[in-house]
Amino acid sequence: MFEVRIHGRGGQGVVTAAELLSIAAFLQGKRAQAFPSFGSERMGAPVVSYCRIDDKEIRLREPILEPDALIIQDPTLLHSVDVFSGVKTDGFILINSTRGFQELGIADLVRRFPPHHVREVAATDLASKHVGRPVPNAALLGGFAAIIGWLDLSSVEQAISQKFPGAVGRANVAAAREAYELVQAAEGKAHAAAN
């Protein structure tokens, strides 16, 4: 089972991100489950959502305490909420940010993970560029597909198009595609530097 925890703030599409991820996995023949966890339900409040993906039926219903992957939609949560709690040492981490890990104050923490498992992508900027709104969820899912390697970008694009038909869907697909390409390019540079 592959478990993903998504951290963000109300209004950033955190719940929708988990739903889209589950749909993309389902389109690839997987079983998937997505559900949110709310504190105070207001715009800007911290929100967590979860997604489980497996080849067989999923019977668990509790929050994910030891995720295989984290998607952090709002970097302001890095030092106010324990977003890294329980993440597996070989886990994947994708952070929505224009700043590097040193500038974010998490360089020492991310060194504990395999280098190609931790990336940042400017998802809010991509959403603003393509969608006209600072909602980073679709862009982050494109970047997430690139970082984990087994989720097809085409499945993410199809999930987005099903949820948001028309121009809004096409704009979100464009944001996801550009994020995917940016993360892939960063992976390529990191691989070249290591060799």
N, C-alpha and C. Protein backbone atom coordinates (compact mmCIF):
# COMPACT_ATOMS: atom_id res chain seq x y z
N MET A 1 0.84 -1.18 0.00
CA MET A 1 0.00 0.00 0.00
C MET A 1 0.89 1.24 0.00
N PHE A 2 0.52 2.24 -0.78
CA PHE A 2 1.23 3.51 -0.87
C PHE A 2 0.33 4.57 -0.27
N GLU A 3 0.84 5.26 0.76
CA GLU A 3 0.03 6.22 1.49
C GLU A 3 0.60 7.63 1.36
N VAL A 4 -0.28 8.57 1.04
CA VAL A 4 0.12 9.95 0.80
C VAL A 4 -0.64 10.87 1.75
N ARG A 5 0.10 11.80 2.35
CA ARG A 5 -0.53 12.82 3.20
C ARG A 5 -0.27 14.18 2.55
N ILE A 6 -1.33 14.96 2.44
CA ILE A 6 -1.25 16.27 1.78
C ILE A 6 -1.56 17.35 2.80
N HIS A 7 -0.63 18.29 2.96
CA HIS A 7 -0.79 19.40 3.91
C HIS A 7 -0.96 20.70 3.15
N GLY A 8 -1.88 21.52 3.60
CA GLY A 8 -2.07 22.83 3.00
C GLY A 8 -2.97 23.67 3.87
N ARG A 9 -3.57 24.66 3.24
CA ARG A 9 -4.49 25.55 3.96
C ARG A 9 -5.82 25.58 3.23
N GLY A 10 -6.87 25.87 3.97
CA GLY A 10 -8.19 25.95 3.39
C GLY A 10 -8.21 26.90 2.20
N GLY A 11 -8.78 26.46 1.10
CA GLY A 11 -8.84 27.26 -0.10
C GLY A 11 -7.78 26.92 -1.13
N GLN A 12 -6.83 26.04 -0.78
CA GLN A 12 -5.75 25.67 -1.70
C GLN A 12 -6.06 24.39 -2.48
N GLY A 13 -7.21 23.80 -2.24
CA GLY A 13 -7.55 22.58 -2.96
C GLY A 13 -6.91 21.32 -2.41
N VAL A 14 -6.65 21.28 -1.11
CA VAL A 14 -6.01 20.13 -0.47
C VAL A 14 -6.89 18.88 -0.59
N VAL A 15 -8.16 19.02 -0.32
CA VAL A 15 -9.09 17.89 -0.40
C VAL A 15 -9.24 17.42 -1.84
N THR A 16 -9.34 18.37 -2.75
CA THR A 16 -9.46 18.04 -4.17
C THR A 16 -8.20 17.34 -4.67
N ALA A 17 -7.03 17.72 -4.16
CA ALA A 17 -5.78 17.07 -4.58
C ALA A 17 -5.82 15.58 -4.25
N ALA A 18 -6.26 15.23 -3.05
CA ALA A 18 -6.34 13.82 -2.68
C ALA A 18 -7.35 13.08 -3.56
N GLU A 19 -8.46 13.73 -3.83
CA GLU A 19 -9.48 13.12 -4.69
C GLU A 19 -8.93 12.89 -6.10
N LEU A 20 -8.27 13.89 -6.66
CA LEU A 20 -7.69 13.76 -8.01
C LEU A 20 -6.62 12.67 -8.05
N LEU A 21 -5.81 12.59 -7.00
CA LEU A 21 -4.78 11.56 -6.93
C LEU A 21 -5.42 10.17 -6.91
N SER A 22 -6.50 10.02 -6.15
CA SER A 22 -7.17 8.72 -6.10
C SER A 22 -7.79 8.36 -7.44
N ILE A 23 -8.34 9.34 -8.14
CA ILE A 23 -8.92 9.09 -9.47
C ILE A 23 -7.83 8.70 -10.45
N ALA A 24 -6.70 9.39 -10.42
CA ALA A 24 -5.59 9.07 -11.32
C ALA A 24 -5.10 7.64 -11.08
N ALA A 25 -4.98 7.25 -9.81
CA ALA A 25 -4.56 5.89 -9.49
C ALA A 25 -5.59 4.87 -9.98
N PHE A 26 -6.86 5.18 -9.77
CA PHE A 26 -7.94 4.30 -10.22
C PHE A 26 -7.89 4.11 -11.74
N LEU A 27 -7.59 5.18 -12.46
CA LEU A 27 -7.48 5.11 -13.92
C LEU A 27 -6.34 4.20 -14.37
N GLN A 28 -5.39 3.95 -13.48
CA GLN A 28 -4.28 3.04 -13.76
C GLN A 28 -4.55 1.63 -13.24
N GLY A 29 -5.79 1.37 -12.86
CA GLY A 29 -6.15 0.03 -12.41
C GLY A 29 -5.90 -0.25 -10.95
N LYS A 30 -5.60 0.79 -10.18
CA LYS A 30 -5.34 0.62 -8.75
C LYS A 30 -6.64 0.83 -7.95
N ARG A 31 -6.60 0.40 -6.71
CA ARG A 31 -7.66 0.75 -5.75
C ARG A 31 -7.17 1.99 -5.04
N ALA A 32 -8.07 2.88 -4.72
CA ALA A 32 -7.66 4.12 -4.07
C ALA A 32 -8.75 4.63 -3.14
N GLN A 33 -8.30 5.40 -2.17
CA GLN A 33 -9.19 5.98 -1.17
C GLN A 33 -8.67 7.37 -0.83
N ALA A 34 -9.55 8.35 -0.79
CA ALA A 34 -9.15 9.72 -0.43
C ALA A 34 -10.13 10.26 0.60
N PHE A 35 -9.59 10.97 1.60
CA PHE A 35 -10.46 11.57 2.61
C PHE A 35 -9.72 12.71 3.31
N PRO A 36 -10.47 13.71 3.80
CA PRO A 36 -9.86 14.86 4.46
C PRO A 36 -9.88 14.75 5.98
N SER A 37 -9.15 15.66 6.60
CA SER A 37 -9.21 15.86 8.05
C SER A 37 -9.23 17.37 8.28
N PHE A 38 -10.29 17.87 8.84
CA PHE A 38 -10.44 19.30 9.05
C PHE A 38 -10.27 19.65 10.51
N GLY A 39 -9.67 20.81 10.75
CA GLY A 39 -9.70 21.41 12.07
C GLY A 39 -10.82 22.43 12.00
N SER A 40 -10.47 23.68 12.14
CA SER A 40 -11.47 24.72 11.95
C SER A 40 -11.64 24.92 10.45
N GLU A 41 -12.87 24.82 9.99
CA GLU A 41 -13.14 24.88 8.56
C GLU A 41 -13.27 26.33 8.10
N ARG A 42 -12.12 26.98 7.91
CA ARG A 42 -12.16 28.34 7.41
C ARG A 42 -11.00 28.54 6.44
N MET A 43 -11.17 29.50 5.58
CA MET A 43 -10.16 29.82 4.59
C MET A 43 -8.84 30.13 5.29
N GLY A 44 -7.78 29.49 4.87
CA GLY A 44 -6.46 29.74 5.43
C GLY A 44 -6.07 28.86 6.60
N ALA A 45 -7.01 28.12 7.18
CA ALA A 45 -6.70 27.23 8.30
C ALA A 45 -5.97 25.99 7.77
N PRO A 46 -5.06 25.39 8.57
CA PRO A 46 -4.39 24.17 8.13
C PRO A 46 -5.39 23.04 7.85
N VAL A 47 -5.16 22.36 6.75
CA VAL A 47 -6.00 21.24 6.32
C VAL A 47 -5.08 20.09 5.93
N VAL A 48 -5.52 18.88 6.23
CA VAL A 48 -4.78 17.68 5.83
C VAL A 48 -5.74 16.78 5.08
N SER A 49 -5.27 16.19 4.01
CA SER A 49 -6.05 15.15 3.34
C SER A 49 -5.14 13.96 3.09
N TYR A 50 -5.76 12.83 2.85
CA TYR A 50 -5.04 11.57 2.74
C TYR A 50 -5.47 10.82 1.49
N CYS A 51 -4.53 10.03 0.97
CA CYS A 51 -4.84 9.15 -0.16
C CYS A 51 -4.07 7.85 0.02
N ARG A 52 -4.80 6.75 -0.07
CA ARG A 52 -4.18 5.43 -0.05
C ARG A 52 -4.36 4.80 -1.42
N ILE A 53 -3.31 4.12 -1.88
CA ILE A 53 -3.34 3.47 -3.20
C ILE A 53 -2.79 2.06 -3.03
N ASP A 54 -3.49 1.09 -3.61
CA ASP A 54 -3.06 -0.30 -3.49
C ASP A 54 -3.57 -1.08 -4.69
N ASP A 55 -3.06 -2.30 -4.84
CA ASP A 55 -3.54 -3.19 -5.90
C ASP A 55 -4.75 -3.99 -5.45
N LYS A 56 -5.00 -3.99 -4.15
CA LYS A 56 -6.14 -4.75 -3.63
C LYS A 56 -7.04 -3.83 -2.81
N GLU A 57 -8.16 -4.37 -2.38
CA GLU A 57 -9.14 -3.59 -1.62
C GLU A 57 -8.50 -2.96 -0.39
N ILE A 58 -8.88 -1.73 -0.10
CA ILE A 58 -8.36 -0.99 1.05
C ILE A 58 -9.44 -0.94 2.12
N ARG A 59 -9.12 -1.50 3.28
CA ARG A 59 -10.10 -1.55 4.36
C ARG A 59 -9.81 -0.54 5.47
N LEU A 60 -8.60 0.00 5.49
CA LEU A 60 -8.23 0.99 6.51
C LEU A 60 -9.04 2.26 6.33
N ARG A 61 -9.36 2.92 7.42
CA ARG A 61 -10.11 4.18 7.34
C ARG A 61 -9.51 5.27 8.22
N GLU A 62 -8.45 4.97 8.94
CA GLU A 62 -7.89 5.95 9.86
C GLU A 62 -6.90 6.88 9.15
N PRO A 63 -6.58 8.02 9.79
CA PRO A 63 -5.60 8.94 9.21
C PRO A 63 -4.25 8.25 8.98
N ILE A 64 -3.50 8.77 8.06
CA ILE A 64 -2.19 8.20 7.71
C ILE A 64 -1.14 8.82 8.61
N LEU A 65 -0.53 7.99 9.46
CA LEU A 65 0.47 8.47 10.41
C LEU A 65 1.89 8.26 9.92
N GLU A 66 2.11 7.28 9.04
CA GLU A 66 3.44 6.99 8.51
C GLU A 66 3.38 6.98 6.98
N PRO A 67 3.29 8.16 6.38
CA PRO A 67 3.11 8.22 4.93
C PRO A 67 4.35 7.80 4.14
N ASP A 68 4.11 7.28 2.96
CA ASP A 68 5.18 7.00 2.00
C ASP A 68 5.54 8.28 1.26
N ALA A 69 4.64 9.24 1.27
CA ALA A 69 4.87 10.49 0.54
C ALA A 69 4.12 11.64 1.19
N LEU A 70 4.71 12.82 1.07
CA LEU A 70 4.10 14.06 1.53
C LEU A 70 4.01 15.03 0.36
N ILE A 71 2.89 15.71 0.27
CA ILE A 71 2.76 16.85 -0.63
C ILE A 71 2.43 18.03 0.27
N ILE A 72 3.30 19.03 0.24
CA ILE A 72 3.11 20.19 1.12
C ILE A 72 2.75 21.37 0.23
N GLN A 73 1.47 21.75 0.28
CA GLN A 73 0.95 22.79 -0.60
C GLN A 73 1.27 24.20 -0.12
N ASP A 74 1.60 24.36 1.15
CA ASP A 74 1.87 25.69 1.69
C ASP A 74 3.14 25.64 2.54
N PRO A 75 4.23 26.24 2.08
CA PRO A 75 5.49 26.17 2.83
C PRO A 75 5.45 26.90 4.16
N THR A 76 4.46 27.76 4.40
CA THR A 76 4.38 28.42 5.71
C THR A 76 4.04 27.42 6.81
N LEU A 77 3.59 26.23 6.43
CA LEU A 77 3.29 25.20 7.43
C LEU A 77 4.54 24.46 7.92
N LEU A 78 5.65 24.61 7.21
CA LEU A 78 6.87 23.85 7.53
C LEU A 78 7.34 24.04 8.97
N HIS A 79 7.14 25.22 9.52
CA HIS A 79 7.62 25.49 10.87
C HIS A 79 6.50 25.75 11.87
N SER A 80 5.25 25.57 11.43
CA SER A 80 4.14 25.79 12.35
C SER A 80 3.35 24.50 12.61
N VAL A 81 3.48 23.52 11.73
CA VAL A 81 2.80 22.22 11.87
C VAL A 81 3.86 21.15 11.62
N ASP A 82 3.80 20.05 12.35
CA ASP A 82 4.79 18.98 12.15
C ASP A 82 4.42 18.17 10.91
N VAL A 83 4.61 18.76 9.74
CA VAL A 83 4.23 18.12 8.49
C VAL A 83 5.05 16.86 8.20
N PHE A 84 6.27 16.79 8.72
CA PHE A 84 7.15 15.65 8.45
C PHE A 84 6.95 14.48 9.41
N SER A 85 6.03 14.62 10.33
CA SER A 85 5.77 13.59 11.33
C SER A 85 5.49 12.23 10.68
N GLY A 86 6.29 11.24 11.06
CA GLY A 86 6.04 9.86 10.65
C GLY A 86 6.43 9.49 9.25
N VAL A 87 6.86 10.45 8.42
CA VAL A 87 7.17 10.10 7.03
C VAL A 87 8.32 9.09 7.01
N LYS A 88 8.19 8.09 6.16
CA LYS A 88 9.18 7.02 6.07
C LYS A 88 10.52 7.57 5.57
N THR A 89 11.61 6.95 6.00
CA THR A 89 12.95 7.45 5.67
C THR A 89 13.26 7.36 4.18
N ASP A 90 12.54 6.53 3.45
CA ASP A 90 12.73 6.47 2.00
C ASP A 90 11.54 7.11 1.29
N GLY A 91 10.80 7.94 2.03
CA GLY A 91 9.60 8.58 1.50
C GLY A 91 9.90 9.67 0.48
N PHE A 92 8.85 10.10 -0.18
CA PHE A 92 8.92 11.16 -1.18
C PHE A 92 8.30 12.43 -0.58
N ILE A 93 8.91 13.57 -0.89
CA ILE A 93 8.40 14.84 -0.39
C ILE A 93 8.41 15.84 -1.54
N LEU A 94 7.26 16.45 -1.77
CA LEU A 94 7.15 17.51 -2.77
C LEU A 94 6.60 18.74 -2.07
N ILE A 95 7.33 19.86 -2.20
CA ILE A 95 6.96 21.10 -1.52
C ILE A 95 6.68 22.18 -2.55
N ASN A 96 5.58 22.87 -2.38
CA ASN A 96 5.22 24.00 -3.21
C ASN A 96 6.03 25.20 -2.75
N SER A 97 7.08 25.54 -3.49
CA SER A 97 7.90 26.68 -3.09
C SER A 97 8.78 27.15 -4.24
N THR A 98 9.09 28.43 -4.21
CA THR A 98 10.07 29.00 -5.15
C THR A 98 11.44 29.05 -4.50
N ARG A 99 11.50 28.73 -3.21
CA ARG A 99 12.76 28.80 -2.46
C ARG A 99 13.35 27.41 -2.29
N GLY A 100 14.67 27.36 -2.19
CA GLY A 100 15.37 26.10 -1.97
C GLY A 100 15.26 25.64 -0.52
N PHE A 101 15.73 24.44 -0.25
CA PHE A 101 15.60 23.85 1.08
C PHE A 101 16.38 24.63 2.14
N GLN A 102 17.54 25.16 1.77
CA GLN A 102 18.33 25.96 2.72
C GLN A 102 17.54 27.19 3.15
N GLU A 103 16.99 27.88 2.17
CA GLU A 103 16.22 29.09 2.45
C GLU A 103 14.94 28.79 3.24
N LEU A 104 14.37 27.61 3.00
CA LEU A 104 13.18 27.19 3.74
C LEU A 104 13.50 26.74 5.17
N GLY A 105 14.80 26.55 5.46
CA GLY A 105 15.22 26.12 6.79
C GLY A 105 15.04 24.63 7.05
N ILE A 106 15.02 23.83 5.98
CA ILE A 106 14.82 22.39 6.16
C ILE A 106 15.91 21.56 5.50
N ALA A 107 17.04 22.18 5.16
CA ALA A 107 18.12 21.48 4.44
C ALA A 107 18.61 20.27 5.22
N ASP A 108 18.82 20.42 6.53
CA ASP A 108 19.30 19.29 7.33
C ASP A 108 18.30 18.15 7.35
N LEU A 109 17.04 18.49 7.43
CA LEU A 109 15.99 17.47 7.46
C LEU A 109 15.92 16.69 6.15
N VAL A 110 15.95 17.39 5.02
CA VAL A 110 15.79 16.68 3.74
C VAL A 110 17.01 15.86 3.37
N ARG A 111 18.17 16.16 3.96
CA ARG A 111 19.37 15.33 3.70
C ARG A 111 19.19 13.89 4.19
N ARG A 112 18.25 13.66 5.07
CA ARG A 112 18.02 12.31 5.59
C ARG A 112 17.27 11.42 4.60
N PHE A 113 16.77 12.01 3.53
CA PHE A 113 16.01 11.28 2.53
C PHE A 113 16.86 11.08 1.28
N PRO A 114 16.56 10.05 0.49
CA PRO A 114 17.27 9.90 -0.78
C PRO A 114 17.12 11.20 -1.58
N PRO A 115 18.21 11.70 -2.19
CA PRO A 115 18.18 13.02 -2.82
C PRO A 115 17.12 13.17 -3.91
N HIS A 116 16.85 12.15 -4.66
CA HIS A 116 15.86 12.24 -5.73
C HIS A 116 14.43 12.05 -5.22
N HIS A 117 14.26 11.94 -3.91
CA HIS A 117 12.93 11.78 -3.32
C HIS A 117 12.35 13.08 -2.79
N VAL A 118 13.12 14.16 -2.81
CA VAL A 118 12.66 15.42 -2.24
C VAL A 118 12.85 16.53 -3.28
N ARG A 119 11.76 17.22 -3.58
CA ARG A 119 11.80 18.29 -4.59
C ARG A 119 10.89 19.43 -4.18
N GLU A 120 11.19 20.60 -4.72
CA GLU A 120 10.28 21.73 -4.60
C GLU A 120 9.90 22.14 -6.03
N VAL A 121 8.70 22.66 -6.15
CA VAL A 121 8.21 23.17 -7.43
C VAL A 121 7.31 24.36 -7.13
N ALA A 122 7.41 25.38 -7.95
CA ALA A 122 6.65 26.61 -7.74
C ALA A 122 5.22 26.44 -8.25
N ALA A 123 4.45 25.59 -7.59
CA ALA A 123 3.11 25.23 -8.05
C ALA A 123 2.13 26.40 -8.02
N THR A 124 2.24 27.26 -7.02
CA THR A 124 1.34 28.42 -6.96
C THR A 124 1.59 29.34 -8.15
N ASP A 125 2.86 29.55 -8.49
CA ASP A 125 3.19 30.38 -9.65
C ASP A 125 2.65 29.76 -10.93
N LEU A 126 2.78 28.45 -11.05
CA LEU A 126 2.28 27.75 -12.25
C LEU A 126 0.76 27.86 -12.33
N ALA A 127 0.08 27.71 -11.19
CA ALA A 127 -1.38 27.82 -11.18
C ALA A 127 -1.80 29.24 -11.56
N SER A 128 -1.12 30.23 -11.02
CA SER A 128 -1.44 31.62 -11.36
C SER A 128 -1.23 31.87 -12.85
N LYS A 129 -0.16 31.33 -13.39
CA LYS A 129 0.16 31.50 -14.81
C LYS A 129 -0.89 30.85 -15.72
N HIS A 130 -1.24 29.60 -15.42
CA HIS A 130 -2.11 28.85 -16.31
C HIS A 130 -3.60 28.98 -15.99
N VAL A 131 -3.93 29.00 -14.70
CA VAL A 131 -5.33 28.97 -14.27
C VAL A 131 -5.84 30.37 -13.94
N GLY A 132 -4.91 31.25 -13.58
CA GLY A 132 -5.32 32.60 -13.19
C GLY A 132 -5.71 32.71 -11.74
N ARG A 133 -5.47 31.64 -10.98
CA ARG A 133 -5.77 31.61 -9.54
C ARG A 133 -4.64 30.88 -8.83
N PRO A 134 -4.29 31.27 -7.61
CA PRO A 134 -3.18 30.63 -6.89
C PRO A 134 -3.58 29.34 -6.17
N VAL A 135 -4.14 28.40 -6.92
CA VAL A 135 -4.55 27.11 -6.35
C VAL A 135 -3.59 26.04 -6.88
N PRO A 136 -2.64 25.59 -6.04
CA PRO A 136 -1.52 24.78 -6.52
C PRO A 136 -1.77 23.28 -6.69
N ASN A 137 -2.95 22.79 -6.37
CA ASN A 137 -3.14 21.34 -6.28
C ASN A 137 -2.86 20.58 -7.58
N ALA A 138 -3.39 21.02 -8.70
CA ALA A 138 -3.19 20.29 -9.96
C ALA A 138 -1.73 20.30 -10.37
N ALA A 139 -1.07 21.46 -10.24
CA ALA A 139 0.35 21.54 -10.58
C ALA A 139 1.16 20.59 -9.70
N LEU A 140 0.84 20.55 -8.42
CA LEU A 140 1.57 19.65 -7.52
C LEU A 140 1.39 18.19 -7.90
N LEU A 141 0.21 17.83 -8.37
CA LEU A 141 0.01 16.43 -8.78
C LEU A 141 0.84 16.08 -10.00
N GLY A 142 1.03 17.03 -10.91
CA GLY A 142 1.94 16.80 -12.03
C GLY A 142 3.36 16.59 -11.54
N GLY A 143 3.82 17.45 -10.64
CA GLY A 143 5.15 17.28 -10.06
C GLY A 143 5.28 15.99 -9.28
N PHE A 144 4.22 15.62 -8.59
CA PHE A 144 4.23 14.38 -7.81
C PHE A 144 4.37 13.16 -8.72
N ALA A 145 3.68 13.16 -9.85
CA ALA A 145 3.82 12.06 -10.80
C ALA A 145 5.27 11.92 -11.25
N ALA A 146 5.94 13.05 -11.46
CA ALA A 146 7.34 13.01 -11.89
C ALA A 146 8.26 12.48 -10.80
N ILE A 147 8.00 12.86 -9.56
CA ILE A 147 8.93 12.48 -8.49
C ILE A 147 8.79 11.00 -8.11
N ILE A 148 7.56 10.46 -8.13
CA ILE A 148 7.41 9.06 -7.72
C ILE A 148 7.64 8.08 -8.86
N GLY A 149 7.42 8.52 -10.09
CA GLY A 149 7.79 7.70 -11.24
C GLY A 149 6.78 6.69 -11.73
N TRP A 150 5.89 6.20 -10.90
CA TRP A 150 4.95 5.16 -11.34
C TRP A 150 3.54 5.69 -11.63
N LEU A 151 3.29 6.93 -11.30
CA LEU A 151 2.00 7.53 -11.61
C LEU A 151 2.14 8.23 -12.96
N ASP A 152 1.32 7.84 -13.92
CA ASP A 152 1.41 8.41 -15.27
C ASP A 152 0.84 9.81 -15.30
N LEU A 153 1.55 10.71 -15.97
CA LEU A 153 1.04 12.07 -16.14
C LEU A 153 -0.29 12.04 -16.88
N SER A 154 -0.45 11.13 -17.82
CA SER A 154 -1.71 11.05 -18.57
C SER A 154 -2.88 10.72 -17.65
N SER A 155 -2.65 9.91 -16.61
CA SER A 155 -3.71 9.60 -15.65
C SER A 155 -4.07 10.83 -14.83
N VAL A 156 -3.07 11.61 -14.44
CA VAL A 156 -3.30 12.84 -13.70
C VAL A 156 -4.10 13.81 -14.57
N GLU A 157 -3.69 13.94 -15.82
CA GLU A 157 -4.39 14.84 -16.74
C GLU A 157 -5.84 14.42 -16.95
N GLN A 158 -6.05 13.12 -17.09
CA GLN A 158 -7.41 12.61 -17.29
C GLN A 158 -8.27 12.86 -16.04
N ALA A 159 -7.70 12.65 -14.86
CA ALA A 159 -8.43 12.89 -13.61
C ALA A 159 -8.83 14.36 -13.50
N ILE A 160 -7.90 15.25 -13.83
CA ILE A 160 -8.19 16.68 -13.78
C ILE A 160 -9.30 17.03 -14.76
N SER A 161 -9.20 16.50 -15.98
CA SER A 161 -10.19 16.81 -17.02
C SER A 161 -11.58 16.29 -16.65
N GLN A 162 -11.64 15.14 -15.95
CA GLN A 162 -12.93 14.61 -15.51
C GLN A 162 -13.55 15.49 -14.44
N LYS A 163 -12.71 15.95 -13.52
CA LYS A 163 -13.20 16.76 -12.39
C LYS A 163 -13.55 18.18 -12.84
N PHE A 164 -12.74 18.73 -13.76
CA PHE A 164 -12.91 20.11 -14.23
C PHE A 164 -12.98 20.13 -15.75
N PRO A 165 -14.15 19.87 -16.31
CA PRO A 165 -14.23 19.89 -17.78
C PRO A 165 -14.08 21.31 -18.33
N GLY A 166 -13.74 21.38 -19.59
CA GLY A 166 -13.66 22.68 -20.26
C GLY A 166 -12.37 23.42 -20.02
N ALA A 167 -12.46 24.75 -20.11
CA ALA A 167 -11.28 25.61 -20.03
C ALA A 167 -10.55 25.50 -18.70
N VAL A 168 -11.29 25.37 -17.60
CA VAL A 168 -10.65 25.25 -16.28
C VAL A 168 -9.81 23.98 -16.22
N GLY A 169 -10.35 22.89 -16.74
CA GLY A 169 -9.62 21.63 -16.77
C GLY A 169 -8.37 21.73 -17.63
N ARG A 170 -8.51 22.32 -18.81
CA ARG A 170 -7.36 22.46 -19.71
C ARG A 170 -6.26 23.31 -19.07
N ALA A 171 -6.65 24.36 -18.37
CA ALA A 171 -5.67 25.23 -17.70
C ALA A 171 -4.95 24.47 -16.59
N ASN A 172 -5.70 23.70 -15.81
CA ASN A 172 -5.08 22.91 -14.74
C ASN A 172 -4.19 21.81 -15.30
N VAL A 173 -4.60 21.21 -16.40
CA VAL A 173 -3.75 20.20 -17.07
C VAL A 173 -2.44 20.84 -17.52
N ALA A 174 -2.50 22.04 -18.06
CA ALA A 174 -1.28 22.74 -18.49
C ALA A 174 -0.36 23.00 -17.31
N ALA A 175 -0.93 23.39 -16.16
CA ALA A 175 -0.12 23.62 -14.96
C ALA A 175 0.52 22.32 -14.48
N ALA A 176 -0.26 21.24 -14.49
CA ALA A 176 0.27 19.93 -14.08
C ALA A 176 1.39 19.48 -15.01
N ARG A 177 1.19 19.66 -16.29
CA ARG A 177 2.19 19.24 -17.28
C ARG A 177 3.49 20.03 -17.11
N GLU A 178 3.38 21.35 -16.90
CA GLU A 178 4.61 22.14 -16.71
C GLU A 178 5.33 21.76 -15.42
N ALA A 179 4.59 21.50 -14.35
CA ALA A 179 5.21 21.06 -13.10
C ALA A 179 5.92 19.73 -13.29
N TYR A 180 5.28 18.82 -14.01
CA TYR A 180 5.88 17.52 -14.31
C TYR A 180 7.21 17.71 -15.02
N GLU A 181 7.20 18.56 -16.04
CA GLU A 181 8.42 18.81 -16.83
C GLU A 181 9.51 19.47 -15.99
N LEU A 182 9.14 20.40 -15.11
CA LEU A 182 10.12 21.06 -14.26
C LEU A 182 10.76 20.08 -13.28
N VAL A 183 9.94 19.21 -12.68
CA VAL A 183 10.49 18.23 -11.73
C VAL A 183 11.35 17.22 -12.47
N GLN A 184 10.91 16.78 -13.64
CA GLN A 184 11.73 15.86 -14.44
C GLN A 184 13.08 16.49 -14.80
N ALA A 185 13.07 17.76 -15.18
CA ALA A 185 14.31 18.45 -15.52
C ALA A 185 15.23 18.55 -14.30
N ALA A 186 14.66 18.83 -13.12
CA ALA A 186 15.45 18.89 -11.89
C ALA A 186 16.04 17.53 -11.57
N GLU A 187 15.26 16.47 -11.79
CA GLU A 187 15.74 15.11 -11.58
C GLU A 187 16.92 14.81 -12.51
N GLY A 188 16.77 15.22 -13.77
CA GLY A 188 17.85 15.00 -14.74
C GLY A 188 19.12 15.72 -14.37
N LYS A 189 19.00 16.97 -13.91
CA LYS A 189 20.18 17.74 -13.48
C LYS A 189 20.84 17.09 -12.26
N ALA A 190 20.03 16.66 -11.31
CA ALA A 190 20.56 16.03 -10.10
C ALA A 190 21.27 14.73 -10.44
N HIS A 191 20.71 13.97 -11.35
CA HIS A 191 21.32 12.70 -11.77
C HIS A 191 22.65 12.95 -12.48
N ALA A 192 22.68 13.97 -13.35
CA ALA A 192 23.91 14.31 -14.07
C ALA A 192 25.00 14.78 -13.11
N ALA A 193 24.61 15.57 -12.12
CA ALA A 193 25.58 16.08 -11.13
C ALA A 193 26.15 14.96 -10.27
N ALA A 194 25.34 13.93 -10.01
CA ALA A 194 25.79 12.82 -9.17
C ALA A 194 26.75 11.91 -9.90
N ASN A 195 26.72 11.92 -11.23
CA ASN A 195 27.58 11.02 -12.02
C ASN A 195 28.82 11.68 -12.52
